[in-house]
Structure formats: C-alpha cells, structure tokens
Amino acid sequence: MDTEKCRVLFTVIQQGSFSAAAKILGYTPSGVMRSVNGLEEEVGFSLLERSPQGVNVTKDGERILPMIRRILHWEEQIRQVGAQIAGLDIGNVAVGTYFSVAANWLPQIIKSFQMDYPQIHVAIEECGSRDMYKGLEERRLDCCITTKREFPGEWIPLCRDEMMVWLPAAHRLAKGKAVPVGEIAKEPFIRPLPGHDTDVEKVLAKEGILCQEHVTSVDNYTTYRMVEAGLGISMNNKLMTASWHGQVTVLPMDPPHYIELGIAVPSLRHASPAVKRFIAYVKQWVQENY
C-alpha cells in the first residue's frame, strides 16, 4: 500500500476538502483526488463520500482507518530508526494530554527537549481521557500524559495530584479549610466535559454523589469562569488552576481524593526513538519539579 496516498487521505479528512488538503500538501486539487481515488481502487471500496459541503468518511472507511494509521505509524518508526543509525535525531511525537498538563508542564518540557532535539516535532492534542485512550488504540497518538485507565498498553507513573472543589469566592463553604463530600450534592453543580470519562465523574461515582447538575461545559476554563460568576460549584484536579487567577476559591475535599498522573504508551519497547526520548524528558522534569 502506497503510504504517500495514505498521508494524502488523512490530510483530506483533517481539512475537510480536497482543495484545502492540496494547499497544505503543495498538490493540485485534481492531484489529491487522483491519489485518494487510487487508494480506493487499491482497497476495493470507497473511503470518502464527496459532496458540495466537503468530504466525510464512509462506514467502510471508518473500519479501515485504524489499520491505515498503523501503517503510517510503522513507516514513521522505520524512518526514525534509520535516521538514528545515520546519526540524526528526527521524527514526530503526537502527545495527548489534559489542558492542565499542556498549560503548566509542557511549555517547559518541550523548550528543554527541543534545545537538544530541534528536528523532532511535537504535536499536542488536548482532550479528555476517553479520547486519549482511543487515540492510543488507533495509533493517532504516540503517548498520553493522563490518569490511569485500563488499556492494553504500558503505564509509567509520574506523580499524584489532589482533586479540589471550585467555589464562588462568596460561597458559604469558601471560608472553610475543606469541603465535606456530603455538601457537594446540596449545591448547583457545573460538570466539565460530561461523558468523557473524566476524573470528576469517577470521584462523583465513587462517592455516590448525585449532583444538582444545572450547567455542563466542554471547556474547563469556561467552567472556572461560570463558578466565578456564581452559577454553581465544580471540581477538578489541583494542577488545573495552577496559573489561573479569579474570584474562585479552590479547596480540598474531605475526605481527600487523589489522582495518579502518568504516561500511557501502547508499548515502550516498540515506541519510536523520538517518543522514547520525549518520555525520558517528561519523567526527568516531573521528578525534578514535583
């Protein structure tokens, strides 16, 4: 299977049209279309549905995309190992993580990493746990800095982080030292990233808390601002608000709850040289700073 055609296909999917993909790839739109058509002829069925509004992946295409991603993954492995043998350090690392880690850890880690490996490109995808582990399974992500879930791969522990309750500054519980778990169910609750297998959902389920859910949000910072506006209380890990400033009181839970942050990787043994180097930098930075 022609891997260049595979790359063209994924660019078309990401951009939503042949013309947009052509601009990025430096092809003509007709050249991009010929490449995708050739790949469809090779597999024997349509991968994309064309319409005036753009393109969508067919049901048959959805079934084969994870396998095409694996082909590209192993091609990248070969390229990086070959470069390593030749004395070069090149490659790509796709990292999935939470906003809190992306904002508070990765700028310093990547700055140090790229001073030593300027030819290794690091791509960050901020998402919830469910999407991260799906990305690992599909080989769309090389590794994830996340909290531990059951998955067919390896787990590298980094540190613990405490779960905290977010309260409007004038809230009746804001003057205490901690928020009793039983009080959470009595307050209007703003749930961040509902349905994404978050640590918030796991804590609520573990404690059997049935929240008075008034608002949901797909963004943690939006949730923080909603709490500041007095729309309700919320919950998240301590690292999330490390660099945020606002009229929000952040208190621990009583009893306390902790999450374990670490690196999830499909296989450290089979990871590319670039991924292994990046993981080593993350481990070292966390050990020195936490």
C-alpha atoms as a PDB file:
ATOM      1  CA  MET A   1       0.000   0.000   0.000  1.00  0.00           C
ATOM      2  CA  ASP A   2       1.341   3.423  -1.001  1.00  0.00           C
ATOM      3  CA  THR A   3       1.934   5.300   2.254  1.00  0.00           C
ATOM      4  CA  GLU A   4       2.018   8.665   0.489  1.00  0.00           C
ATOM      5  CA  LYS A   5      -1.569   8.068  -0.647  1.00  0.00           C
ATOM      6  CA  CYS A   6      -2.424   7.222   2.971  1.00  0.00           C
ATOM      7  CA  ARG A   7      -0.976  10.531   4.152  1.00  0.00           C
ATOM      8  CA  VAL A   8      -2.913  12.388   1.480  1.00  0.00           C
ATOM      9  CA  LEU A   9      -6.121  10.666   2.605  1.00  0.00           C
ATOM     10  CA  PHE A  10      -5.649  11.739   6.236  1.00  0.00           C
ATOM     11  CA  THR A  11      -4.879  15.297   5.195  1.00  0.00           C
ATOM     12  CA  VAL A  12      -8.127  15.413   3.210  1.00  0.00           C
ATOM     13  CA  ILE A  13     -10.053  14.073   6.224  1.00  0.00           C
ATOM     14  CA  GLN A  14      -8.426  16.571   8.610  1.00  0.00           C
ATOM     15  CA  GLN A  15      -9.014  19.538   6.291  1.00  0.00           C
ATOM     16  CA  GLY A  16     -12.482  18.507   5.154  1.00  0.00           C
ATOM     17  CA  SER A  17     -11.916  19.050   1.426  1.00  0.00           C
ATOM     18  CA  PHE A  18      -9.606  18.195  -1.461  1.00  0.00           C
ATOM     19  CA  SER A  19      -8.766  21.823  -2.194  1.00  0.00           C
ATOM     20  CA  ALA A  20      -7.789  22.616   1.418  1.00  0.00           C
ATOM     21  CA  ALA A  21      -5.626  19.482   1.541  1.00  0.00           C
ATOM     22  CA  ALA A  22      -3.994  20.436  -1.756  1.00  0.00           C
ATOM     23  CA  LYS A  23      -2.845  23.804  -0.349  1.00  0.00           C
ATOM     24  CA  ILE A  24      -1.169  22.128   2.609  1.00  0.00           C
ATOM     25  CA  LEU A  25       0.419  19.340   0.569  1.00  0.00           C
ATOM     26  CA  GLY A  26       1.516  21.519  -2.329  1.00  0.00           C
ATOM     27  CA  TYR A  27      -0.545  19.437  -4.775  1.00  0.00           C
ATOM     28  CA  THR A  28      -3.278  20.427  -7.196  1.00  0.00           C
ATOM     29  CA  PRO A  29      -6.837  19.512  -6.111  1.00  0.00           C
ATOM     30  CA  SER A  30      -7.032  17.082  -9.035  1.00  0.00           C
ATOM     31  CA  GLY A  31      -3.745  15.508  -7.897  1.00  0.00           C
ATOM     32  CA  VAL A  32      -5.127  14.981  -4.404  1.00  0.00           C
ATOM     33  CA  MET A  33      -8.296  13.478  -5.848  1.00  0.00           C
ATOM     34  CA  ARG A  34      -6.300  11.090  -8.060  1.00  0.00           C
ATOM     35  CA  SER A  35      -4.283   9.971  -5.050  1.00  0.00           C
ATOM     36  CA  VAL A  36      -7.409   9.202  -2.995  1.00  0.00           C
ATOM     37  CA  ASN A  37      -9.097   7.532  -5.952  1.00  0.00           C
ATOM     38  CA  GLY A  38      -6.006   5.351  -6.422  1.00  0.00           C
ATOM     39  CA  LEU A  39      -6.097   4.302  -2.779  1.00  0.00           C
ATOM     40  CA  GLU A  40      -9.800   3.465  -3.052  1.00  0.00           C
ATOM     41  CA  GLU A  41      -9.091   1.329  -6.120  1.00  0.00           C
ATOM     42  CA  GLU A  42      -6.365  -0.435  -4.177  1.00  0.00           C
ATOM     43  CA  VAL A  43      -8.597  -1.318  -1.198  1.00  0.00           C
ATOM     44  CA  GLY A  44     -11.623  -2.033  -3.392  1.00  0.00           C
ATOM     45  CA  PHE A  45     -14.231   0.312  -1.904  1.00  0.00           C
ATOM     46  CA  SER A  46     -14.974   3.996  -1.295  1.00  0.00           C
ATOM     47  CA  LEU A  47     -13.265   5.644   1.654  1.00  0.00           C
ATOM     48  CA  LEU A  48     -14.815   9.109   1.316  1.00  0.00           C
ATOM     49  CA  GLU A  49     -18.245  10.473   0.496  1.00  0.00           C
ATOM     50  CA  ARG A  50     -17.995  13.605  -1.660  1.00  0.00           C
ATOM     51  CA  SER A  51     -20.499  16.456  -1.502  1.00  0.00           C
ATOM     52  CA  PRO A  52     -20.533  20.214  -2.236  1.00  0.00           C
ATOM     53  CA  GLN A  53     -20.082  20.773   1.512  1.00  0.00           C
ATOM     54  CA  GLY A  54     -16.876  18.713   1.648  1.00  0.00           C
ATOM     55  CA  VAL A  55     -15.984  15.103   2.409  1.00  0.00           C
ATOM     56  CA  ASN A  56     -16.981  12.544   5.037  1.00  0.00           C
ATOM     57  CA  VAL A  57     -15.523   9.147   5.818  1.00  0.00           C
ATOM     58  CA  THR A  58     -17.703   6.217   4.707  1.00  0.00           C
ATOM     59  CA  LYS A  59     -18.683   3.420   7.091  1.00  0.00           C
ATOM     60  CA  ASP A  60     -16.269   1.081   5.294  1.00  0.00           C
ATOM     61  CA  GLY A  61     -13.622   3.777   5.548  1.00  0.00           C
ATOM     62  CA  GLU A  62     -14.131   4.076   9.321  1.00  0.00           C
ATOM     63  CA  ARG A  63     -13.377   0.368   9.642  1.00  0.00           C
ATOM     64  CA  ILE A  64     -10.087   0.543   7.760  1.00  0.00           C
ATOM     65  CA  LEU A  65      -8.744   3.911   9.023  1.00  0.00           C
ATOM     66  CA  PRO A  66      -7.217   2.479  12.239  1.00  0.00           C
ATOM     67  CA  MET A  67      -5.236  -0.021  10.146  1.00  0.00           C
ATOM     68  CA  ILE A  68      -4.048   2.700   7.759  1.00  0.00           C
ATOM     69  CA  ARG A  69      -2.910   4.715  10.788  1.00  0.00           C
ATOM     70  CA  ARG A  70      -0.871   1.717  11.936  1.00  0.00           C
ATOM     71  CA  ILE A  71       0.806   1.509   8.523  1.00  0.00           C
ATOM     72  CA  LEU A  72       1.847   5.161   8.807  1.00  0.00           C
ATOM     73  CA  HIS A  73       2.941   4.585  12.400  1.00  0.00           C
ATOM     74  CA  TRP A  74       5.341   1.803  11.433  1.00  0.00           C
ATOM     75  CA  GLU A  75       6.637   3.745   8.447  1.00  0.00           C
ATOM     76  CA  GLU A  76       7.497   6.594  10.836  1.00  0.00           C
ATOM     77  CA  GLN A  77       9.239   4.076  13.098  1.00  0.00           C
ATOM     78  CA  ILE A  78      11.396   2.881  10.213  1.00  0.00           C
ATOM     79  CA  ARG A  79      12.242   6.455   9.238  1.00  0.00           C
ATOM     80  CA  GLN A  80      13.295   7.393  12.763  1.00  0.00           C
ATOM     81  CA  VAL A  81      15.372   4.262  13.375  1.00  0.00           C
ATOM     82  CA  GLY A  82      17.098   4.792  10.029  1.00  0.00           C
ATOM     83  CA  ALA A  83      17.870   8.384  10.997  1.00  0.00           C
ATOM     84  CA  GLN A  84      19.186   7.226  14.359  1.00  0.00           C
ATOM     85  CA  ILE A  85      21.520   4.743  12.659  1.00  0.00           C
ATOM     86  CA  ALA A  86      22.730   7.558  10.415  1.00  0.00           C
ATOM     87  CA  GLY A  87      23.477   9.712  13.465  1.00  0.00           C
ATOM     88  CA  LEU A  88      20.479  12.044  13.071  1.00  0.00           C
ATOM     89  CA  ASP A  89      17.711  12.816  15.574  1.00  0.00           C
ATOM     90  CA  ILE A  90      14.493  13.437  13.692  1.00  0.00           C
ATOM     91  CA  GLY A  91      10.868  12.415  13.987  1.00  0.00           C
ATOM     92  CA  ASN A  92       7.381  13.285  15.164  1.00  0.00           C
ATOM     93  CA  VAL A  93       5.766  12.801  18.556  1.00  0.00           C
ATOM     94  CA  ALA A  94       1.980  13.073  18.947  1.00  0.00           C
ATOM     95  CA  VAL A  95       1.076  13.636  22.609  1.00  0.00           C
ATOM     96  CA  GLY A  96      -2.384  13.606  24.132  1.00  0.00           C
ATOM     97  CA  THR A  97      -2.965  15.289  27.471  1.00  0.00           C
ATOM     98  CA  TYR A  98      -5.234  17.419  29.640  1.00  0.00           C
ATOM     99  CA  PHE A  99      -5.326  21.204  29.378  1.00  0.00           C
ATOM    100  CA  SER A 100      -3.759  21.444  32.843  1.00  0.00           C
ATOM    101  CA  VAL A 101      -0.687  19.448  31.825  1.00  0.00           C
ATOM    102  CA  ALA A 102      -0.444  21.148  28.421  1.00  0.00           C
ATOM    103  CA  ALA A 103      -0.514  24.604  30.013  1.00  0.00           C
ATOM    104  CA  ASN A 104       1.566  24.051  33.153  1.00  0.00           C
ATOM    105  CA  TRP A 105       4.088  21.329  32.281  1.00  0.00           C
ATOM    106  CA  LEU A 106       4.630  21.045  28.556  1.00  0.00           C
ATOM    107  CA  PRO A 107       5.947  24.542  27.717  1.00  0.00           C
ATOM    108  CA  GLN A 108       8.993  23.981  29.963  1.00  0.00           C
ATOM    109  CA  ILE A 109       9.416  20.328  28.952  1.00  0.00           C
ATOM    110  CA  ILE A 110       9.207  20.991  25.216  1.00  0.00           C
ATOM    111  CA  LYS A 111      11.510  24.004  25.443  1.00  0.00           C
ATOM    112  CA  SER A 112      14.217  21.867  27.054  1.00  0.00           C
ATOM    113  CA  PHE A 113      13.528  18.925  24.731  1.00  0.00           C
ATOM    114  CA  GLN A 114      13.803  20.947  21.538  1.00  0.00           C
ATOM    115  CA  MET A 115      17.045  22.565  22.626  1.00  0.00           C
ATOM    116  CA  ASP A 116      18.575  19.091  22.392  1.00  0.00           C
ATOM    117  CA  TYR A 117      16.399  17.704  19.577  1.00  0.00           C
ATOM    118  CA  PRO A 118      15.369  20.610  17.313  1.00  0.00           C
ATOM    119  CA  GLN A 119      14.479  18.263  14.445  1.00  0.00           C
ATOM    120  CA  ILE A 120      11.843  16.363  16.444  1.00  0.00           C
ATOM    121  CA  HIS A 121       8.380  17.853  16.031  1.00  0.00           C
ATOM    122  CA  VAL A 122       5.995  17.582  18.988  1.00  0.00           C
ATOM    123  CA  ALA A 123       2.241  17.844  18.343  1.00  0.00           C
ATOM    124  CA  ILE A 124      -0.054  18.326  21.359  1.00  0.00           C
ATOM    125  CA  GLU A 125      -3.714  17.293  21.436  1.00  0.00           C
ATOM    126  CA  GLU A 126      -5.700  18.480  24.457  1.00  0.00           C
ATOM    127  CA  CYS A 127      -8.621  16.152  25.187  1.00  0.00           C
ATOM    128  CA  GLY A 128     -10.351  14.038  27.814  1.00  0.00           C
ATOM    129  CA  SER A 129      -9.352  10.564  28.993  1.00  0.00           C
ATOM    130  CA  ARG A 130     -11.733   8.746  26.666  1.00  0.00           C
ATOM    131  CA  ASP A 131     -10.364  10.441  23.553  1.00  0.00           C
ATOM    132  CA  MET A 132      -6.761   9.984  24.676  1.00  0.00           C
ATOM    133  CA  TYR A 133      -7.038   6.245  25.114  1.00  0.00           C
ATOM    134  CA  LYS A 134      -8.929   5.937  21.840  1.00  0.00           C
ATOM    135  CA  GLY A 135      -6.127   7.888  20.163  1.00  0.00           C
ATOM    136  CA  LEU A 136      -3.560   5.444  21.563  1.00  0.00           C
ATOM    137  CA  GLU A 137      -5.566   2.470  20.335  1.00  0.00           C
ATOM    138  CA  GLU A 138      -5.799   3.956  16.837  1.00  0.00           C
ATOM    139  CA  ARG A 139      -2.086   4.937  16.865  1.00  0.00           C
ATOM    140  CA  ARG A 140      -3.171   8.534  16.263  1.00  0.00           C
ATOM    141  CA  LEU A 141      -1.343   9.425  19.491  1.00  0.00           C
ATOM    142  CA  ASP A 142       2.084   8.078  20.439  1.00  0.00           C
ATOM    143  CA  CYS A 143       1.744   8.636  24.174  1.00  0.00           C
ATOM    144  CA  CYS A 144      -0.525  10.431  26.630  1.00  0.00           C
ATOM    145  CA  ILE A 145       0.103  12.251  29.896  1.00  0.00           C
ATOM    146  CA  THR A 146      -3.091  11.381  31.708  1.00  0.00           C
ATOM    147  CA  THR A 147      -4.629   9.448  34.589  1.00  0.00           C
ATOM    148  CA  LYS A 148      -4.603   5.684  34.653  1.00  0.00           C
ATOM    149  CA  ARG A 149      -7.292   3.669  32.923  1.00  0.00           C
ATOM    150  CA  GLU A 150      -7.465   0.011  31.945  1.00  0.00           C
ATOM    151  CA  PHE A 151      -5.963  -0.340  28.456  1.00  0.00           C
ATOM    152  CA  PRO A 152      -3.768  -2.813  26.524  1.00  0.00           C
ATOM    153  CA  GLY A 153      -0.525  -0.905  26.921  1.00  0.00           C
ATOM    154  CA  GLU A 154       2.075   0.294  29.414  1.00  0.00           C
ATOM    155  CA  TRP A 155       1.730   2.773  32.257  1.00  0.00           C
ATOM    156  CA  ILE A 156       4.578   4.940  33.592  1.00  0.00           C
ATOM    157  CA  PRO A 157       3.604   6.661  36.883  1.00  0.00           C
ATOM    158  CA  LEU A 158       4.706  10.278  37.384  1.00  0.00           C
ATOM    159  CA  CYS A 159       3.048  11.847  40.443  1.00  0.00           C
ATOM    160  CA  ARG A 160      -0.175  12.280  42.411  1.00  0.00           C
ATOM    161  CA  ASP A 161      -2.447  15.312  42.198  1.00  0.00           C
ATOM    162  CA  GLU A 162      -5.274  16.205  44.574  1.00  0.00           C
ATOM    163  CA  MET A 163      -8.868  16.717  43.471  1.00  0.00           C
ATOM    164  CA  MET A 164     -10.200  20.123  44.504  1.00  0.00           C
ATOM    165  CA  VAL A 165     -13.628  21.778  44.752  1.00  0.00           C
ATOM    166  CA  TRP A 166     -14.156  25.115  42.993  1.00  0.00           C
ATOM    167  CA  LEU A 167     -16.403  27.591  44.842  1.00  0.00           C
ATOM    168  CA  PRO A 168     -17.526  31.163  44.133  1.00  0.00           C
ATOM    169  CA  ALA A 169     -15.469  33.430  46.407  1.00  0.00           C
ATOM    170  CA  ALA A 170     -18.567  34.473  48.393  1.00  0.00           C
ATOM    171  CA  HIS A 171     -19.917  30.927  48.803  1.00  0.00           C
ATOM    172  CA  ARG A 172     -20.934  29.743  52.282  1.00  0.00           C
ATOM    173  CA  LEU A 173     -18.293  26.964  52.158  1.00  0.00           C
ATOM    174  CA  ALA A 174     -15.471  29.136  50.830  1.00  0.00           C
ATOM    175  CA  LYS A 175     -14.193  30.137  54.301  1.00  0.00           C
ATOM    176  CA  GLY A 176     -13.605  26.559  55.403  1.00  0.00           C
ATOM    177  CA  LYS A 177     -10.416  24.531  55.106  1.00  0.00           C
ATOM    178  CA  ALA A 178     -12.040  21.741  53.089  1.00  0.00           C
ATOM    179  CA  VAL A 179     -15.394  20.865  51.533  1.00  0.00           C
ATOM    180  CA  PRO A 180     -17.167  17.845  53.076  1.00  0.00           C
ATOM    181  CA  VAL A 181     -18.100  15.414  50.323  1.00  0.00           C
ATOM    182  CA  GLY A 182     -21.702  15.351  51.524  1.00  0.00           C
ATOM    183  CA  GLU A 183     -22.059  19.087  50.827  1.00  0.00           C
ATOM    184  CA  ILE A 184     -21.369  18.727  47.097  1.00  0.00           C
ATOM    185  CA  ALA A 185     -24.760  17.145  46.368  1.00  0.00           C
ATOM    186  CA  LYS A 186     -26.536  20.092  48.011  1.00  0.00           C
ATOM    187  CA  GLU A 187     -25.152  22.687  45.584  1.00  0.00           C
ATOM    188  CA  PRO A 188     -25.813  23.537  41.927  1.00  0.00           C
ATOM    189  CA  PHE A 189     -23.033  21.711  40.087  1.00  0.00           C
ATOM    190  CA  ILE A 190     -21.243  22.600  36.838  1.00  0.00           C
ATOM    191  CA  ARG A 191     -19.991  19.402  35.226  1.00  0.00           C
ATOM    192  CA  PRO A 192     -16.929  19.745  32.957  1.00  0.00           C
ATOM    193  CA  LEU A 193     -16.615  17.537  29.864  1.00  0.00           C
ATOM    194  CA  PRO A 194     -19.666  15.330  30.530  1.00  0.00           C
ATOM    195  CA  GLY A 195     -19.450  11.829  29.093  1.00  0.00           C
ATOM    196  CA  HIS A 196     -15.661  11.929  28.594  1.00  0.00           C
ATOM    197  CA  ASP A 197     -14.657   9.543  31.407  1.00  0.00           C
ATOM    198  CA  THR A 198     -13.175  12.379  33.472  1.00  0.00           C
ATOM    199  CA  ASP A 199     -11.667  12.107  36.943  1.00  0.00           C
ATOM    200  CA  VAL A 200     -14.519  14.309  38.159  1.00  0.00           C
ATOM    201  CA  GLU A 201     -17.030  11.681  37.009  1.00  0.00           C
ATOM    202  CA  LYS A 202     -15.038   8.919  38.698  1.00  0.00           C
ATOM    203  CA  VAL A 203     -14.919  10.747  42.037  1.00  0.00           C
ATOM    204  CA  LEU A 204     -18.639  11.510  41.936  1.00  0.00           C
ATOM    205  CA  ALA A 205     -19.430   7.887  41.106  1.00  0.00           C
ATOM    206  CA  LYS A 206     -17.117   6.545  43.826  1.00  0.00           C
ATOM    207  CA  GLU A 207     -18.777   8.719  46.466  1.00  0.00           C
ATOM    208  CA  GLY A 208     -22.274   8.081  45.104  1.00  0.00           C
ATOM    209  CA  ILE A 209     -22.889  11.808  44.695  1.00  0.00           C
ATOM    210  CA  LEU A 210     -25.975  12.734  42.673  1.00  0.00           C
ATOM    211  CA  CYS A 211     -25.312  16.318  41.666  1.00  0.00           C
ATOM    212  CA  GLN A 212     -27.832  19.068  41.085  1.00  0.00           C
ATOM    213  CA  GLU A 213     -26.480  19.496  37.587  1.00  0.00           C
ATOM    214  CA  HIS A 214     -27.518  22.938  36.344  1.00  0.00           C
ATOM    215  CA  VAL A 215     -24.853  23.542  33.695  1.00  0.00           C
ATOM    216  CA  THR A 216     -22.367  21.466  31.709  1.00  0.00           C
ATOM    217  CA  SER A 217     -19.316  22.695  29.827  1.00  0.00           C
ATOM    218  CA  VAL A 218     -16.887  21.232  27.301  1.00  0.00           C
ATOM    219  CA  ASP A 219     -14.089  23.527  28.489  1.00  0.00           C
ATOM    220  CA  ASN A 220     -12.500  23.633  31.943  1.00  0.00           C
ATOM    221  CA  TYR A 221     -11.667  27.337  31.800  1.00  0.00           C
ATOM    222  CA  THR A 222     -15.289  28.119  30.897  1.00  0.00           C
ATOM    223  CA  THR A 223     -16.342  26.038  33.884  1.00  0.00           C
ATOM    224  CA  TYR A 224     -13.979  28.049  36.100  1.00  0.00           C
ATOM    225  CA  ARG A 225     -15.499  31.329  34.890  1.00  0.00           C
ATOM    226  CA  MET A 226     -19.023  30.014  35.443  1.00  0.00           C
ATOM    227  CA  VAL A 227     -18.111  29.197  39.036  1.00  0.00           C
ATOM    228  CA  GLU A 228     -16.659  32.706  39.390  1.00  0.00           C
ATOM    229  CA  ALA A 229     -19.982  34.124  38.162  1.00  0.00           C
ATOM    230  CA  GLY A 230     -21.814  32.254  40.936  1.00  0.00           C
ATOM    231  CA  LEU A 231     -23.629  29.745  38.716  1.00  0.00           C
ATOM    232  CA  GLY A 232     -22.607  26.819  40.885  1.00  0.00           C
ATOM    233  CA  ILE A 233     -19.647  24.826  42.191  1.00  0.00           C
ATOM    234  CA  SER A 234     -17.404  22.402  40.329  1.00  0.00           C
ATOM    235  CA  MET A 235     -14.455  20.083  40.821  1.00  0.00           C
ATOM    236  CA  ASN A 236     -11.113  19.351  39.154  1.00  0.00           C
ATOM    237  CA  ASN A 237      -7.525  18.439  39.889  1.00  0.00           C
ATOM    238  CA  LYS A 238      -5.246  20.937  41.657  1.00  0.00           C
ATOM    239  CA  LEU A 239      -2.913  21.339  38.673  1.00  0.00           C
ATOM    240  CA  MET A 240      -5.760  22.695  36.544  1.00  0.00           C
ATOM    241  CA  THR A 241      -5.888  26.064  38.321  1.00  0.00           C
ATOM    242  CA  ALA A 242      -2.137  26.424  38.947  1.00  0.00           C
ATOM    243  CA  SER A 243      -1.858  29.518  36.737  1.00  0.00           C
ATOM    244  CA  TRP A 244      -5.447  30.831  36.848  1.00  0.00           C
ATOM    245  CA  HIS A 245      -6.457  33.907  38.820  1.00  0.00           C
ATOM    246  CA  GLY A 246     -10.048  34.843  39.577  1.00  0.00           C
ATOM    247  CA  GLN A 247     -12.729  35.144  42.238  1.00  0.00           C
ATOM    248  CA  VAL A 248     -12.813  31.377  42.758  1.00  0.00           C
ATOM    249  CA  THR A 249     -11.898  29.617  45.999  1.00  0.00           C
ATOM    250  CA  VAL A 250     -10.175  26.258  45.485  1.00  0.00           C
ATOM    251  CA  LEU A 251     -10.433  23.871  48.454  1.00  0.00           C
ATOM    252  CA  PRO A 252      -9.615  20.187  49.004  1.00  0.00           C
ATOM    253  CA  MET A 253     -12.295  17.598  49.590  1.00  0.00           C
ATOM    254  CA  ASP A 254     -12.973  15.990  52.956  1.00  0.00           C
ATOM    255  CA  PRO A 255     -12.024  13.162  52.840  1.00  0.00           C
ATOM    256  CA  PRO A 256      -9.276  13.968  50.293  1.00  0.00           C
ATOM    257  CA  HIS A 257      -9.191  12.345  46.866  1.00  0.00           C
ATOM    258  CA  TYR A 258      -6.148  11.935  44.640  1.00  0.00           C
ATOM    259  CA  ILE A 259      -5.475  11.015  41.038  1.00  0.00           C
ATOM    260  CA  GLU A 260      -2.300   9.441  39.646  1.00  0.00           C
ATOM    261  CA  LEU A 261      -0.795  11.212  36.660  1.00  0.00           C
ATOM    262  CA  GLY A 262       1.416   9.200  34.377  1.00  0.00           C
ATOM    263  CA  ILE A 263       2.324   8.358  30.799  1.00  0.00           C
ATOM    264  CA  ALA A 264       0.250   5.857  28.829  1.00  0.00           C
ATOM    265  CA  VAL A 265       2.000   4.332  25.818  1.00  0.00           C
ATOM    266  CA  PRO A 266       0.951   1.350  23.669  1.00  0.00           C
ATOM    267  CA  SER A 267       4.396  -0.264  24.008  1.00  0.00           C
ATOM    268  CA  LEU A 268       7.563   1.377  25.307  1.00  0.00           C
ATOM    269  CA  ARG A 269       9.656  -1.326  23.690  1.00  0.00           C
ATOM    270  CA  HIS A 270       8.155  -0.635  20.264  1.00  0.00           C
ATOM    271  CA  ALA A 271       7.962   3.141  20.656  1.00  0.00           C
ATOM    272  CA  SER A 272       9.974   5.217  18.197  1.00  0.00           C
ATOM    273  CA  PRO A 273      13.312   6.714  19.270  1.00  0.00           C
ATOM    274  CA  ALA A 274      11.723  10.184  19.318  1.00  0.00           C
ATOM    275  CA  VAL A 275       8.893   9.028  21.603  1.00  0.00           C
ATOM    276  CA  LYS A 276      11.316   7.296  23.969  1.00  0.00           C
ATOM    277  CA  ARG A 277      13.416  10.450  24.216  1.00  0.00           C
ATOM    278  CA  PHE A 278      10.347  12.595  24.876  1.00  0.00           C
ATOM    279  CA  ILE A 279       9.090  10.251  27.605  1.00  0.00           C
ATOM    280  CA  ALA A 280      12.510  10.369  29.281  1.00  0.00           C
ATOM    281  CA  TYR A 281      12.376  14.184  29.323  1.00  0.00           C
ATOM    282  CA  VAL A 282       8.884  14.191  30.846  1.00  0.00           C
ATOM    283  CA  LYS A 283       9.938  11.769  33.597  1.00  0.00           C
ATOM    284  CA  GLN A 284      13.048  13.786  34.432  1.00  0.00           C
ATOM    285  CA  TRP A 285      11.191  17.108  34.529  1.00  0.00           C
ATOM    286  CA  VAL A 286       8.451  15.800  36.826  1.00  0.00           C
ATOM    287  CA  GLN A 287      11.000  14.186  39.165  1.00  0.00           C
ATOM    288  CA  GLU A 288      12.864  17.494  39.451  1.00  0.00           C
ATOM    289  CA  ASN A 289       9.772  19.675  39.909  1.00  0.00           C
ATOM    290  CA  TYR A 290       7.245  17.527  41.857  1.00  0.00           C
END
